[in-house]
Amino acid sequence: MQTPLADAAQAAVSASRDPELLRLSNRRERLGLGAFGAFIVLYLVSFIFLVINGYADAAAKTLRYAITFGTLSAVTYVLTMPATKGYGSGPQPSAMQRPLKPAHFIGLAVCFVAIVATGWLQTRFDPGISGAQLVSLQSLVHFGVTAFGIEVVLVFATLHALGVPSRVLGLGRWAKGSKRVAVAWIGLALVYVMIDAVTGKTRIANTLGLVARNVFQNGFSEEFLFRGALLSRLRVFVRLEWALLAQAFAFGAWHYGTDVRSAGGNLLVAIAFMITVQSVFGYALGFLAVRTRSIAGSSAFHALADATSII
């Protein structure tokens, strides 16, 4: 019986012998290199659109987000380099390299069903809950348990039944250098917690309430769904670079209702916010999860970040 490694090697040999497969393989390589460039272009277009339409202050904040997460991503890349020196990146699994099975489509479909369901549910709950209400039983049920049940329990159970290993979903051991990466990301979030408390932007009770809620909803649940389940399922169909881009836009679209409210109902401005804020955040956390081979660091940072003014 052939192993996945043997299958990949055989696919590589077949591609080298078949001019058509080699041509398509080279095309995928060029597309992969262009994914980040496509993201930068979309960000710049959205940024300029916000400035032109009178949202210069908001655009300036999104630029701060981009610089912050770009810097953290660069630090992540440098600190995790020892974990990637022993092997080449190699070709990403794709439909052309191995036959797609019904399980691949079912896994991806379950992820999208969970995204649509929880996206709809969050629009039904009151976004203005704050203070002591955040740690109430009602809030934990609405914002925590329900999301956890759909985004984690349902999705994990389905993918596990389909034979997807836990480590592929970001639940394995960290890569070498990941602990230092976690210190950098979580350390920055804690700095913002202290700054917000000192400057009076929020009370400690509010921050603790948000973190308690975020551990269930925004932290682990969203990271498992987007950076664990969705990202890993997308990598079956496309290269890593495009999978990162797709999950980032899916994450942004998931917050579209919030962006519409922030934009006062202006749909185009909401799309610009979606790309320059949540998609940037999702792309950076996706990169963090890929480089550390775990969603532990991104989950902790996400829970803290959503409770501060960092985003």
Protein backbone atom coordinates (compact mmCIF):
# COMPACT_ATOMS: atom_id res chain seq x y z
CA MET A 1 0.00 0.00 0.00
CA GLN A 2 1.37 3.39 -0.99
CA THR A 3 1.78 6.15 1.57
CA PRO A 4 0.70 9.79 0.96
CA LEU A 5 4.40 10.63 0.58
CA ALA A 6 4.79 8.00 -2.10
CA ASP A 7 1.67 9.28 -3.84
CA ALA A 8 3.07 12.81 -3.84
CA ALA A 9 6.40 11.60 -5.21
CA GLN A 10 4.67 9.63 -7.94
CA ALA A 11 2.57 12.69 -8.84
CA ALA A 12 5.72 14.80 -9.09
CA VAL A 13 7.35 12.24 -11.41
CA SER A 14 4.21 12.07 -13.55
CA ALA A 15 4.14 15.87 -13.82
CA SER A 16 7.77 15.93 -14.95
CA ARG A 17 6.99 13.44 -17.71
CA ASP A 18 3.75 15.01 -18.89
CA PRO A 19 4.26 18.44 -20.54
CA GLU A 20 0.63 19.40 -19.94
CA LEU A 21 0.80 18.64 -16.21
CA LEU A 22 4.12 20.46 -15.96
CA ARG A 23 2.66 23.52 -17.69
CA LEU A 24 -0.30 23.60 -15.32
CA SER A 25 1.98 23.02 -12.34
CA ASN A 26 4.10 26.03 -13.33
CA ARG A 27 0.92 28.05 -13.79
CA ARG A 28 -0.17 27.19 -10.25
CA GLU A 29 3.24 28.29 -8.98
CA ARG A 30 2.88 31.68 -10.62
CA LEU A 31 -0.65 32.09 -9.28
CA GLY A 32 0.56 31.19 -5.80
CA LEU A 33 3.23 33.88 -5.90
CA GLY A 34 0.63 36.41 -7.00
CA ALA A 35 -1.89 35.74 -4.21
CA PHE A 36 -0.30 38.12 -1.73
CA GLY A 37 0.08 40.75 -4.44
CA ALA A 38 -3.63 40.45 -5.24
CA PHE A 39 -4.42 41.00 -1.58
CA ILE A 40 -2.22 44.11 -1.43
CA VAL A 41 -3.92 45.55 -4.52
CA LEU A 42 -7.40 44.98 -3.07
CA TYR A 43 -6.32 46.56 0.19
CA LEU A 44 -4.94 49.67 -1.54
CA VAL A 45 -8.06 50.07 -3.67
CA SER A 46 -10.26 49.79 -0.58
CA PHE A 47 -8.03 52.19 1.35
CA ILE A 48 -8.19 54.83 -1.40
CA PHE A 49 -11.96 54.33 -1.68
CA LEU A 50 -12.39 55.06 2.03
CA VAL A 51 -10.27 58.21 1.82
CA ILE A 52 -12.13 59.53 -1.25
CA ASN A 53 -15.51 58.94 0.38
CA GLY A 54 -14.73 60.89 3.54
CA TYR A 55 -13.50 58.06 5.79
CA ALA A 56 -9.90 59.27 6.04
CA ASP A 57 -9.73 58.77 9.81
CA ALA A 58 -11.03 55.20 9.51
CA ALA A 59 -8.62 54.55 6.65
CA ALA A 60 -5.73 55.76 8.81
CA LYS A 61 -6.74 53.25 11.49
CA THR A 62 -6.83 50.43 8.96
CA LEU A 63 -3.32 51.41 7.87
CA ARG A 64 -2.21 51.07 11.49
CA TYR A 65 -3.78 47.62 11.59
CA ALA A 66 -1.98 46.61 8.40
CA ILE A 67 1.39 47.84 9.66
CA THR A 68 0.91 46.17 13.05
CA PHE A 69 -0.08 42.79 11.66
CA GLY A 70 2.46 43.00 8.86
CA THR A 71 5.21 43.54 11.44
CA LEU A 72 3.96 40.67 13.60
CA SER A 73 3.82 38.42 10.54
CA ALA A 74 7.41 39.32 9.65
CA VAL A 75 8.49 38.49 13.21
CA THR A 76 6.60 35.21 12.95
CA TYR A 77 8.35 34.34 9.69
CA VAL A 78 11.80 34.99 11.14
CA LEU A 79 11.22 33.14 14.43
CA THR A 80 9.78 30.05 12.73
CA MET A 81 12.47 29.76 10.04
CA PRO A 82 14.35 26.99 11.95
CA ALA A 83 11.23 24.81 11.68
CA THR A 84 11.20 25.04 7.87
CA LYS A 85 14.89 24.68 7.00
CA GLY A 86 14.82 20.92 6.92
CA TYR A 87 12.38 20.54 4.08
CA GLY A 88 11.24 22.27 0.91
CA SER A 89 7.79 23.70 0.58
CA GLY A 90 6.98 21.26 -2.22
CA PRO A 91 3.74 21.18 -4.17
CA GLN A 92 0.51 21.73 -2.31
CA PRO A 93 -2.12 18.97 -2.45
CA SER A 94 -4.55 19.75 -5.22
CA ALA A 95 -7.17 18.14 -7.40
CA MET A 96 -4.63 17.76 -10.19
CA GLN A 97 -2.16 15.88 -8.00
CA ARG A 98 -4.65 13.43 -6.56
CA PRO A 99 -8.27 12.50 -7.25
CA LEU A 100 -10.76 14.49 -5.24
CA LYS A 101 -13.15 12.41 -3.18
CA PRO A 102 -16.68 13.18 -1.94
CA ALA A 103 -15.25 13.58 1.57
CA HIS A 104 -13.22 16.60 0.39
CA PHE A 105 -16.34 18.37 -0.87
CA ILE A 106 -18.38 17.39 2.20
CA GLY A 107 -15.72 18.79 4.53
CA LEU A 108 -15.59 22.10 2.70
CA ALA A 109 -19.39 22.29 2.54
CA VAL A 110 -19.71 21.74 6.30
CA CYS A 111 -17.32 24.63 6.91
CA PHE A 112 -19.36 26.97 4.73
CA VAL A 113 -22.63 25.86 6.35
CA ALA A 114 -21.15 26.65 9.77
CA ILE A 115 -19.93 30.05 8.54
CA VAL A 116 -23.33 30.99 7.11
CA ALA A 117 -25.22 29.72 10.18
CA THR A 118 -23.09 31.52 12.75
CA GLY A 119 -22.89 34.62 10.56
CA TRP A 120 -26.67 34.77 10.56
CA LEU A 121 -26.91 34.07 14.30
CA GLN A 122 -24.58 36.89 15.26
CA THR A 123 -26.82 39.36 13.43
CA ARG A 124 -29.72 38.20 15.64
CA PHE A 125 -27.99 39.03 18.91
CA ASP A 126 -27.61 42.46 20.45
CA PRO A 127 -24.13 43.81 19.56
CA GLY A 128 -24.42 46.47 22.26
CA ILE A 129 -24.12 44.16 25.26
CA SER A 130 -21.38 45.39 27.56
CA GLY A 131 -20.12 45.41 31.13
CA ALA A 132 -21.49 42.82 33.54
CA GLN A 133 -23.92 41.59 30.88
CA LEU A 134 -21.00 40.10 29.00
CA VAL A 135 -20.45 37.40 31.63
CA SER A 136 -24.13 36.73 32.25
CA LEU A 137 -25.57 33.29 31.55
CA GLN A 138 -27.65 34.68 28.69
CA SER A 139 -24.62 36.26 27.01
CA LEU A 140 -22.51 33.13 27.36
CA VAL A 141 -25.29 31.04 25.82
CA HIS A 142 -25.93 33.49 22.98
CA PHE A 143 -22.37 34.46 22.16
CA GLY A 144 -20.41 31.47 23.43
CA VAL A 145 -22.08 28.10 23.69
CA THR A 146 -24.13 28.42 20.50
CA ALA A 147 -21.12 29.49 18.43
CA PHE A 148 -18.91 26.84 20.03
CA GLY A 149 -21.44 24.12 19.31
CA ILE A 150 -21.66 25.00 15.61
CA GLU A 151 -18.15 26.22 14.84
CA VAL A 152 -16.25 23.60 16.85
CA VAL A 153 -18.32 20.62 17.94
CA LEU A 154 -20.32 20.13 14.74
CA VAL A 155 -17.45 20.87 12.36
CA PHE A 156 -14.87 18.84 14.28
CA ALA A 157 -17.19 15.84 14.62
CA THR A 158 -17.93 15.87 10.89
CA LEU A 159 -14.32 16.25 9.79
CA HIS A 160 -13.18 13.62 12.29
CA ALA A 161 -15.78 11.22 10.86
CA LEU A 162 -14.38 11.98 7.40
CA GLY A 163 -10.92 10.95 8.58
CA VAL A 164 -9.26 14.37 8.93
CA PRO A 165 -6.49 14.20 11.59
CA SER A 166 -6.62 16.68 14.47
CA ARG A 167 -3.13 17.99 13.71
CA VAL A 168 -4.27 19.03 10.23
CA LEU A 169 -6.93 21.19 11.92
CA GLY A 170 -4.32 23.09 13.93
CA LEU A 171 -4.70 20.99 17.08
CA GLY A 172 -1.24 19.42 16.99
CA ARG A 173 2.09 20.36 18.53
CA TRP A 174 3.63 23.74 17.83
CA ALA A 175 6.46 24.12 15.36
CA LYS A 176 9.92 25.09 16.55
CA GLY A 177 10.11 28.76 17.52
CA SER A 178 6.35 29.07 18.08
CA LYS A 179 6.62 29.87 21.79
CA ARG A 180 8.64 33.00 21.04
CA VAL A 181 6.10 33.92 18.39
CA ALA A 182 3.29 33.55 20.95
CA VAL A 183 5.14 35.84 23.35
CA ALA A 184 5.35 38.53 20.65
CA TRP A 185 1.68 38.36 19.64
CA ILE A 186 0.12 37.90 23.08
CA GLY A 187 2.56 40.37 24.61
CA LEU A 188 1.35 43.09 22.23
CA ALA A 189 -2.28 42.32 23.08
CA LEU A 190 -1.53 42.58 26.81
CA VAL A 191 0.17 45.94 26.24
CA TYR A 192 -3.07 47.20 24.67
CA VAL A 193 -5.05 45.84 27.61
CA MET A 194 -2.93 47.95 29.97
CA ILE A 195 -3.04 51.02 27.72
CA ASP A 196 -6.84 50.87 27.47
CA ALA A 197 -7.13 50.53 31.26
CA VAL A 198 -4.75 53.42 31.98
CA THR A 199 -6.28 55.77 29.40
CA GLY A 200 -9.82 54.95 30.53
CA LYS A 201 -10.98 53.60 27.16
CA THR A 202 -12.60 50.71 28.96
CA ARG A 203 -13.08 49.44 32.47
CA ILE A 204 -11.31 46.32 33.69
CA ALA A 205 -14.69 44.64 34.27
CA ASN A 206 -15.63 45.21 30.63
CA THR A 207 -12.29 43.88 29.39
CA LEU A 208 -12.49 40.76 31.56
CA GLY A 209 -16.06 40.20 30.43
CA LEU A 210 -15.06 40.47 26.78
CA VAL A 211 -12.11 38.11 27.20
CA ALA A 212 -14.33 35.56 29.00
CA ARG A 213 -16.81 35.66 26.13
CA ASN A 214 -14.12 35.71 23.46
CA VAL A 215 -12.47 32.53 24.77
CA PHE A 216 -15.59 30.67 23.61
CA GLN A 217 -16.66 32.69 20.58
CA ASN A 218 -14.07 34.96 19.01
CA GLY A 219 -11.02 33.13 20.28
CA PHE A 220 -10.90 29.39 19.87
CA SER A 221 -14.21 28.92 18.04
CA GLU A 222 -13.53 31.31 15.16
CA GLU A 223 -9.90 30.28 14.90
CA PHE A 224 -10.82 26.61 14.69
CA LEU A 225 -13.48 27.28 12.05
CA PHE A 226 -11.49 29.63 9.82
CA ARG A 227 -7.79 28.93 10.46
CA GLY A 228 -8.19 25.26 11.36
CA ALA A 229 -11.08 23.69 9.45
CA LEU A 230 -11.67 26.03 6.49
CA LEU A 231 -8.01 26.73 5.73
CA SER A 232 -7.10 23.05 5.80
CA ARG A 233 -10.06 22.12 3.57
CA LEU A 234 -9.23 24.85 1.06
CA ARG A 235 -5.65 23.57 0.83
CA VAL A 236 -7.00 20.34 -0.64
CA PHE A 237 -8.27 22.31 -3.64
CA VAL A 238 -5.76 25.15 -4.08
CA ARG A 239 -2.26 26.19 -3.13
CA LEU A 240 -1.56 27.47 0.37
CA GLU A 241 -1.22 31.10 -0.78
CA TRP A 242 -4.67 31.13 -2.31
CA ALA A 243 -6.16 29.19 0.58
CA LEU A 244 -4.86 31.88 2.95
CA LEU A 245 -6.41 34.58 0.79
CA ALA A 246 -9.76 32.76 0.52
CA GLN A 247 -10.12 32.13 4.24
CA ALA A 248 -9.21 35.77 4.97
CA PHE A 249 -11.98 37.03 2.68
CA ALA A 250 -14.41 34.47 4.11
CA PHE A 251 -13.57 35.78 7.57
CA GLY A 252 -14.13 39.33 6.39
CA ALA A 253 -17.44 38.47 4.74
CA TRP A 254 -18.54 36.76 7.96
CA HIS A 255 -18.30 40.19 9.66
CA TYR A 256 -20.13 41.98 6.87
CA GLY A 257 -23.20 42.70 9.04
CA THR A 258 -21.02 44.51 11.57
CA ASP A 259 -19.31 46.47 8.80
CA VAL A 260 -22.66 47.53 7.32
CA ARG A 261 -23.68 48.97 10.71
CA SER A 262 -20.31 50.74 11.02
CA ALA A 263 -20.74 52.20 7.53
CA GLY A 264 -24.24 53.47 8.25
CA GLY A 265 -25.77 51.13 5.69
CA ASN A 266 -23.38 52.04 2.85
CA LEU A 267 -22.66 48.65 1.26
CA LEU A 268 -19.56 49.69 -0.71
CA VAL A 269 -17.97 51.31 2.34
CA ALA A 270 -18.80 48.16 4.31
CA ILE A 271 -16.94 46.05 1.74
CA ALA A 272 -13.95 48.38 2.03
CA PHE A 273 -14.01 47.98 5.83
CA MET A 274 -14.31 44.23 5.41
CA ILE A 275 -11.16 44.07 3.29
CA THR A 276 -9.03 46.58 5.21
CA VAL A 277 -9.91 45.40 8.72
CA GLN A 278 -11.24 41.86 9.16
CA SER A 279 -9.60 40.36 6.06
CA VAL A 280 -6.22 41.80 7.07
CA PHE A 281 -6.73 40.38 10.56
CA GLY A 282 -7.77 37.00 9.14
CA TYR A 283 -4.84 36.84 6.74
CA ALA A 284 -2.34 37.59 9.51
CA LEU A 285 -3.84 35.00 11.86
CA GLY A 286 -3.91 32.47 9.03
CA PHE A 287 -0.21 33.09 8.41
CA LEU A 288 0.43 32.70 12.15
CA ALA A 289 -1.42 29.37 12.24
CA VAL A 290 0.43 28.05 9.19
CA ARG A 291 3.89 29.00 10.43
CA THR A 292 3.32 27.65 13.95
CA ARG A 293 1.28 24.66 12.71
CA SER A 294 -1.24 25.34 15.46
CA ILE A 295 -4.21 27.58 16.22
CA ALA A 296 -3.21 27.93 19.89
CA GLY A 297 -1.38 31.22 19.43
CA SER A 298 -3.95 32.75 17.09
CA SER A 299 -6.79 31.73 19.44
CA ALA A 300 -5.19 33.40 22.45
CA PHE A 301 -4.36 36.56 20.51
CA HIS A 302 -7.81 36.74 18.96
CA ALA A 303 -9.54 36.50 22.34
CA LEU A 304 -7.38 39.29 23.75
CA ALA A 305 -7.35 41.51 20.66
CA ASP A 306 -11.14 41.68 20.39
CA ALA A 307 -11.26 42.92 23.98
CA THR A 308 -8.89 45.84 23.31
CA SER A 309 -8.46 48.77 20.94
CA ILE A 310 -5.83 46.92 18.89
CA ILE A 311 -8.53 46.30 16.28
